[in-house]
PDB file of all heavy atoms in Angstrom:
ATOM      1  N   LYS A   1       0.847  -1.193   0.000  1.00  0.00           N
ATOM      2  CA  LYS A   1       0.000   0.000   0.000  1.00  0.00           C
ATOM      3  C   LYS A   1       0.880   1.240   0.000  1.00  0.00           C
ATOM      4  O   LYS A   1       1.842   1.321   0.757  1.00  0.00           O
ATOM      5  CB  LYS A   1      -0.901   0.018   1.226  1.00  0.00           C
ATOM      6  CG  LYS A   1      -2.027  -0.965   1.144  1.00  0.00           C
ATOM      7  CD  LYS A   1      -2.999  -0.769   2.267  1.00  0.00           C
ATOM      8  CE  LYS A   1      -4.173  -1.706   2.090  1.00  0.00           C
ATOM      9  NZ  LYS A   1      -5.154  -1.525   3.140  1.00  0.00           N
ATOM     10  N   GLY A   2       0.527   2.176  -0.877  1.00  0.00           N
ATOM     11  CA  GLY A   2       1.282   3.425  -0.949  1.00  0.00           C
ATOM     12  C   GLY A   2       2.611   3.292  -1.679  1.00  0.00           C
ATOM     13  O   GLY A   2       3.372   4.241  -1.765  1.00  0.00           O
ATOM     14  N   GLY A   3       2.883   2.117  -2.177  1.00  0.00           N
ATOM     15  CA  GLY A   3       4.150   1.908  -2.884  1.00  0.00           C
ATOM     16  C   GLY A   3       5.313   1.802  -1.921  1.00  0.00           C
ATOM     17  O   GLY A   3       5.201   2.054  -0.733  1.00  0.00           O
ATOM     18  N   LYS A   4       6.416   1.426  -2.435  1.00  0.00           N
ATOM     19  CA  LYS A   4       7.616   1.238  -1.636  1.00  0.00           C
ATOM     20  C   LYS A   4       8.775   1.859  -2.398  1.00  0.00           C
ATOM     21  O   LYS A   4       8.927   1.665  -3.590  1.00  0.00           O
ATOM     22  CB  LYS A   4       7.840  -0.253  -1.490  1.00  0.00           C
ATOM     23  CG  LYS A   4       8.511  -0.871  -0.296  1.00  0.00           C
ATOM     24  CD  LYS A   4       8.092  -0.416   1.019  1.00  0.00           C
ATOM     25  CE  LYS A   4       8.198  -1.544   2.028  1.00  0.00           C
ATOM     26  NZ  LYS A   4       8.026  -1.046   3.357  1.00  0.00           N
ATOM     27  N   LYS A   5       9.579   2.629  -1.723  1.00  0.00           N
ATOM     28  CA  LYS A   5      10.809   3.152  -2.309  1.00  0.00           C
ATOM     29  C   LYS A   5      11.956   2.315  -1.777  1.00  0.00           C
ATOM     30  O   LYS A   5      12.080   2.127  -0.566  1.00  0.00           O
ATOM     31  CB  LYS A   5      11.010   4.621  -1.952  1.00  0.00           C
ATOM     32  CG  LYS A   5      10.000   5.525  -2.607  1.00  0.00           C
ATOM     33  CD  LYS A   5      10.284   6.965  -2.303  1.00  0.00           C
ATOM     34  CE  LYS A   5       9.202   7.817  -2.946  1.00  0.00           C
ATOM     35  NZ  LYS A   5       9.408   9.229  -2.663  1.00  0.00           N
ATOM     36  N   ILE A   6      12.752   1.802  -2.692  1.00  0.00           N
ATOM     37  CA  ILE A   6      13.855   0.931  -2.314  1.00  0.00           C
ATOM     38  C   ILE A   6      15.146   1.556  -2.814  1.00  0.00           C
ATOM     39  O   ILE A   6      15.269   1.880  -3.998  1.00  0.00           O
ATOM     40  CB  ILE A   6      13.682  -0.479  -2.910  1.00  0.00           C
ATOM     41  CG1 ILE A   6      12.388  -1.095  -2.389  1.00  0.00           C
ATOM     42  CG2 ILE A   6      14.885  -1.350  -2.585  1.00  0.00           C
ATOM     43  CD1 ILE A   6      11.991  -2.365  -3.081  1.00  0.00           C
ATOM     44  N   LEU A   7      16.082   1.750  -1.922  1.00  0.00           N
ATOM     45  CA  LEU A   7      17.394   2.282  -2.272  1.00  0.00           C
ATOM     46  C   LEU A   7      18.340   1.109  -2.472  1.00  0.00           C
ATOM     47  O   LEU A   7      18.505   0.278  -1.587  1.00  0.00           O
ATOM     48  CB  LEU A   7      17.915   3.196  -1.164  1.00  0.00           C
ATOM     49  CG  LEU A   7      19.342   3.709  -1.318  1.00  0.00           C
ATOM     50  CD1 LEU A   7      19.450   4.599  -2.556  1.00  0.00           C
ATOM     51  CD2 LEU A   7      19.768   4.456  -0.070  1.00  0.00           C
ATOM     52  N   ILE A   8      18.934   1.033  -3.656  1.00  0.00           N
ATOM     53  CA  ILE A   8      19.886  -0.028  -3.959  1.00  0.00           C
ATOM     54  C   ILE A   8      21.277   0.580  -3.958  1.00  0.00           C
ATOM     55  O   ILE A   8      21.555   1.515  -4.719  1.00  0.00           O
ATOM     56  CB  ILE A   8      19.582  -0.689  -5.313  1.00  0.00           C
ATOM     57  CG1 ILE A   8      18.198  -1.345  -5.262  1.00  0.00           C
ATOM     58  CG2 ILE A   8      20.665  -1.696  -5.682  1.00  0.00           C
ATOM     59  CD1 ILE A   8      17.712  -1.876  -6.583  1.00  0.00           C
ATOM     60  N   ILE A   9      22.137   0.061  -3.117  1.00  0.00           N
ATOM     61  CA  ILE A   9      23.518   0.518  -3.048  1.00  0.00           C
ATOM     62  C   ILE A   9      24.397  -0.626  -3.530  1.00  0.00           C
ATOM     63  O   ILE A   9      24.322  -1.735  -3.019  1.00  0.00           O
ATOM     64  CB  ILE A   9      23.897   0.931  -1.611  1.00  0.00           C
ATOM     65  CG1 ILE A   9      22.985   2.074  -1.164  1.00  0.00           C
ATOM     66  CG2 ILE A   9      25.363   1.319  -1.537  1.00  0.00           C
ATOM     67  CD1 ILE A   9      23.138   2.478   0.275  1.00  0.00           C
ATOM     68  N   SER A  10      25.198  -0.343  -4.525  1.00  0.00           N
ATOM     69  CA  SER A  10      25.996  -1.391  -5.138  1.00  0.00           C
ATOM     70  C   SER A  10      27.182  -0.764  -5.854  1.00  0.00           C
ATOM     71  O   SER A  10      27.409   0.444  -5.771  1.00  0.00           O
ATOM     72  CB  SER A  10      25.134  -2.177  -6.132  1.00  0.00           C
ATOM     73  OG  SER A  10      25.866  -3.229  -6.706  1.00  0.00           O
ATOM     74  N   HIS A  11      27.885  -1.600  -6.588  1.00  0.00           N
ATOM     75  CA  HIS A  11      28.946  -1.123  -7.466  1.00  0.00           C
ATOM     76  C   HIS A  11      28.314  -0.726  -8.795  1.00  0.00           C
ATOM     77  O   HIS A  11      27.158  -1.048  -9.079  1.00  0.00           O
ATOM     78  CB  HIS A  11      29.994  -2.222  -7.677  1.00  0.00           C
ATOM     79  CG  HIS A  11      30.713  -2.586  -6.414  1.00  0.00           C
ATOM     80  ND1 HIS A  11      31.771  -1.863  -5.936  1.00  0.00           N
ATOM     81  CD2 HIS A  11      30.507  -3.576  -5.533  1.00  0.00           C
ATOM     82  CE1 HIS A  11      32.196  -2.398  -4.802  1.00  0.00           C
ATOM     83  NE2 HIS A  11      31.437  -3.447  -4.534  1.00  0.00           N
ATOM     84  N   GLY A  12      29.083  -0.062  -9.628  1.00  0.00           N
ATOM     85  CA  GLY A  12      28.568   0.471 -10.886  1.00  0.00           C
ATOM     86  C   GLY A  12      28.015  -0.565 -11.839  1.00  0.00           C
ATOM     87  O   GLY A  12      26.929  -0.386 -12.391  1.00  0.00           O
ATOM     88  N   ASP A  13      28.737  -1.658 -12.070  1.00  0.00           N
ATOM     89  CA  ASP A  13      28.294  -2.633 -13.073  1.00  0.00           C
ATOM     90  C   ASP A  13      26.957  -3.291 -12.730  1.00  0.00           C
ATOM     91  O   ASP A  13      26.084  -3.379 -13.595  1.00  0.00           O
ATOM     92  CB  ASP A  13      29.366  -3.684 -13.336  1.00  0.00           C
ATOM     93  CG  ASP A  13      30.503  -3.152 -14.205  1.00  0.00           C
ATOM     94  OD1 ASP A  13      30.342  -2.076 -14.819  1.00  0.00           O
ATOM     95  OD2 ASP A  13      31.545  -3.824 -14.282  1.00  0.00           O
ATOM     96  N   PRO A  14      26.738  -3.767 -11.501  1.00  0.00           N
ATOM     97  CA  PRO A  14      25.424  -4.363 -11.210  1.00  0.00           C
ATOM     98  C   PRO A  14      24.276  -3.366 -11.399  1.00  0.00           C
ATOM     99  O   PRO A  14      23.234  -3.711 -11.970  1.00  0.00           O
ATOM    100  CB  PRO A  14      25.530  -4.809  -9.756  1.00  0.00           C
ATOM    101  CG  PRO A  14      26.986  -5.052  -9.557  1.00  0.00           C
ATOM    102  CD  PRO A  14      27.675  -3.999 -10.376  1.00  0.00           C
ATOM    103  N   VAL A  15      24.460  -2.128 -10.965  1.00  0.00           N
ATOM    104  CA  VAL A  15      23.410  -1.127 -11.129  1.00  0.00           C
ATOM    105  C   VAL A  15      23.216  -0.805 -12.614  1.00  0.00           C
ATOM    106  O   VAL A  15      22.078  -0.663 -13.085  1.00  0.00           O
ATOM    107  CB  VAL A  15      23.741   0.147 -10.319  1.00  0.00           C
ATOM    108  CG1 VAL A  15      22.768   1.271 -10.639  1.00  0.00           C
ATOM    109  CG2 VAL A  15      23.731  -0.154  -8.832  1.00  0.00           C
ATOM    110  N   PHE A  16      24.306  -0.718 -13.359  1.00  0.00           N
ATOM    111  CA  PHE A  16      24.227  -0.486 -14.796  1.00  0.00           C
ATOM    112  C   PHE A  16      23.396  -1.576 -15.462  1.00  0.00           C
ATOM    113  O   PHE A  16      22.494  -1.296 -16.255  1.00  0.00           O
ATOM    114  CB  PHE A  16      25.634  -0.442 -15.401  1.00  0.00           C
ATOM    115  CG  PHE A  16      25.644  -0.396 -16.904  1.00  0.00           C
ATOM    116  CD1 PHE A  16      25.384   0.777 -17.578  1.00  0.00           C
ATOM    117  CD2 PHE A  16      25.894  -1.550 -17.634  1.00  0.00           C
ATOM    118  CE1 PHE A  16      25.385   0.821 -18.967  1.00  0.00           C
ATOM    119  CE2 PHE A  16      25.912  -1.526 -19.017  1.00  0.00           C
ATOM    120  CZ  PHE A  16      25.651  -0.334 -19.688  1.00  0.00           C
ATOM    121  N   PHE A  17      23.664  -2.842 -15.130  1.00  0.00           N
ATOM    122  CA  PHE A  17      22.944  -3.942 -15.765  1.00  0.00           C
ATOM    123  C   PHE A  17      21.494  -4.021 -15.320  1.00  0.00           C
ATOM    124  O   PHE A  17      20.634  -4.418 -16.106  1.00  0.00           O
ATOM    125  CB  PHE A  17      23.669  -5.263 -15.550  1.00  0.00           C
ATOM    126  CG  PHE A  17      24.817  -5.438 -16.490  1.00  0.00           C
ATOM    127  CD1 PHE A  17      26.119  -5.450 -16.035  1.00  0.00           C
ATOM    128  CD2 PHE A  17      24.603  -5.552 -17.852  1.00  0.00           C
ATOM    129  CE1 PHE A  17      27.182  -5.584 -16.910  1.00  0.00           C
ATOM    130  CE2 PHE A  17      25.648  -5.689 -18.743  1.00  0.00           C
ATOM    131  CZ  PHE A  17      26.943  -5.704 -18.265  1.00  0.00           C
ATOM    132  N   MET A  18      21.193  -3.644 -14.092  1.00  0.00           N
ATOM    133  CA  MET A  18      19.785  -3.572 -13.687  1.00  0.00           C
ATOM    134  C   MET A  18      19.057  -2.543 -14.548  1.00  0.00           C
ATOM    135  O   MET A  18      17.942  -2.778 -15.012  1.00  0.00           O
ATOM    136  CB  MET A  18      19.669  -3.169 -12.216  1.00  0.00           C
ATOM    137  CG  MET A  18      20.019  -4.238 -11.241  1.00  0.00           C
ATOM    138  SD  MET A  18      19.852  -3.572  -9.565  1.00  0.00           S
ATOM    139  CE  MET A  18      20.541  -4.917  -8.623  1.00  0.00           C
ATOM    140  N   ASN A  19      19.704  -1.415 -14.746  1.00  0.00           N
ATOM    141  CA  ASN A  19      19.099  -0.329 -15.511  1.00  0.00           C
ATOM    142  C   ASN A  19      18.894  -0.709 -16.974  1.00  0.00           C
ATOM    143  O   ASN A  19      17.794  -0.560 -17.514  1.00  0.00           O
ATOM    144  CB  ASN A  19      19.981   0.915 -15.389  1.00  0.00           C
ATOM    145  CG  ASN A  19      19.306   2.163 -15.884  1.00  0.00           C
ATOM    146  OD1 ASN A  19      18.098   2.293 -15.840  1.00  0.00           O
ATOM    147  ND2 ASN A  19      20.096   3.104 -16.346  1.00  0.00           N
ATOM    148  N   VAL A  20      19.932  -1.203 -17.638  1.00  0.00           N
ATOM    149  CA  VAL A  20      19.786  -1.514 -19.060  1.00  0.00           C
ATOM    150  C   VAL A  20      18.832  -2.684 -19.287  1.00  0.00           C
ATOM    151  O   VAL A  20      18.073  -2.681 -20.260  1.00  0.00           O
ATOM    152  CB  VAL A  20      21.146  -1.763 -19.763  1.00  0.00           C
ATOM    153  CG1 VAL A  20      22.009  -0.525 -19.728  1.00  0.00           C
ATOM    154  CG2 VAL A  20      21.877  -2.954 -19.192  1.00  0.00           C
ATOM    155  N   ALA A  21      18.835  -3.663 -18.398  1.00  0.00           N
ATOM    156  CA  ALA A  21      17.920  -4.796 -18.559  1.00  0.00           C
ATOM    157  C   ALA A  21      16.474  -4.358 -18.324  1.00  0.00           C
ATOM    158  O   ALA A  21      15.567  -4.795 -19.034  1.00  0.00           O
ATOM    159  CB  ALA A  21      18.300  -5.925 -17.617  1.00  0.00           C
ATOM    160  N   ALA A  22      16.261  -3.493 -17.354  1.00  0.00           N
ATOM    161  CA  ALA A  22      14.907  -3.016 -17.070  1.00  0.00           C
ATOM    162  C   ALA A  22      14.334  -2.235 -18.254  1.00  0.00           C
ATOM    163  O   ALA A  22      13.129  -2.248 -18.495  1.00  0.00           O
ATOM    164  CB  ALA A  22      14.913  -2.146 -15.817  1.00  0.00           C
ATOM    165  N   PHE A  23      15.203  -1.579 -19.025  1.00  0.00           N
ATOM    166  CA  PHE A  23      14.753  -0.803 -20.176  1.00  0.00           C
ATOM    167  C   PHE A  23      14.900  -1.559 -21.490  1.00  0.00           C
ATOM    168  O   PHE A  23      14.669  -1.007 -22.560  1.00  0.00           O
ATOM    169  CB  PHE A  23      15.493   0.532 -20.247  1.00  0.00           C
ATOM    170  CG  PHE A  23      15.031   1.498 -19.195  1.00  0.00           C
ATOM    171  CD1 PHE A  23      15.768   1.686 -18.039  1.00  0.00           C
ATOM    172  CD2 PHE A  23      13.841   2.187 -19.350  1.00  0.00           C
ATOM    173  CE1 PHE A  23      15.336   2.560 -17.058  1.00  0.00           C
ATOM    174  CE2 PHE A  23      13.403   3.070 -18.380  1.00  0.00           C
ATOM    175  CZ  PHE A  23      14.144   3.261 -17.222  1.00  0.00           C
ATOM    176  N   GLY A  24      15.319  -2.834 -21.430  1.00  0.00           N
ATOM    177  CA  GLY A  24      15.381  -3.664 -22.620  1.00  0.00           C
ATOM    178  C   GLY A  24      16.520  -3.340 -23.571  1.00  0.00           C
ATOM    179  O   GLY A  24      16.402  -3.578 -24.767  1.00  0.00           O
TER     180      GLY A  24
END
């Protein structure tokens, strides 16, 4: 309910791949 904000702290490559995969 109300949504959830999640902060992901990581190194550059894992965050980069989450981003590019999420956008196809």
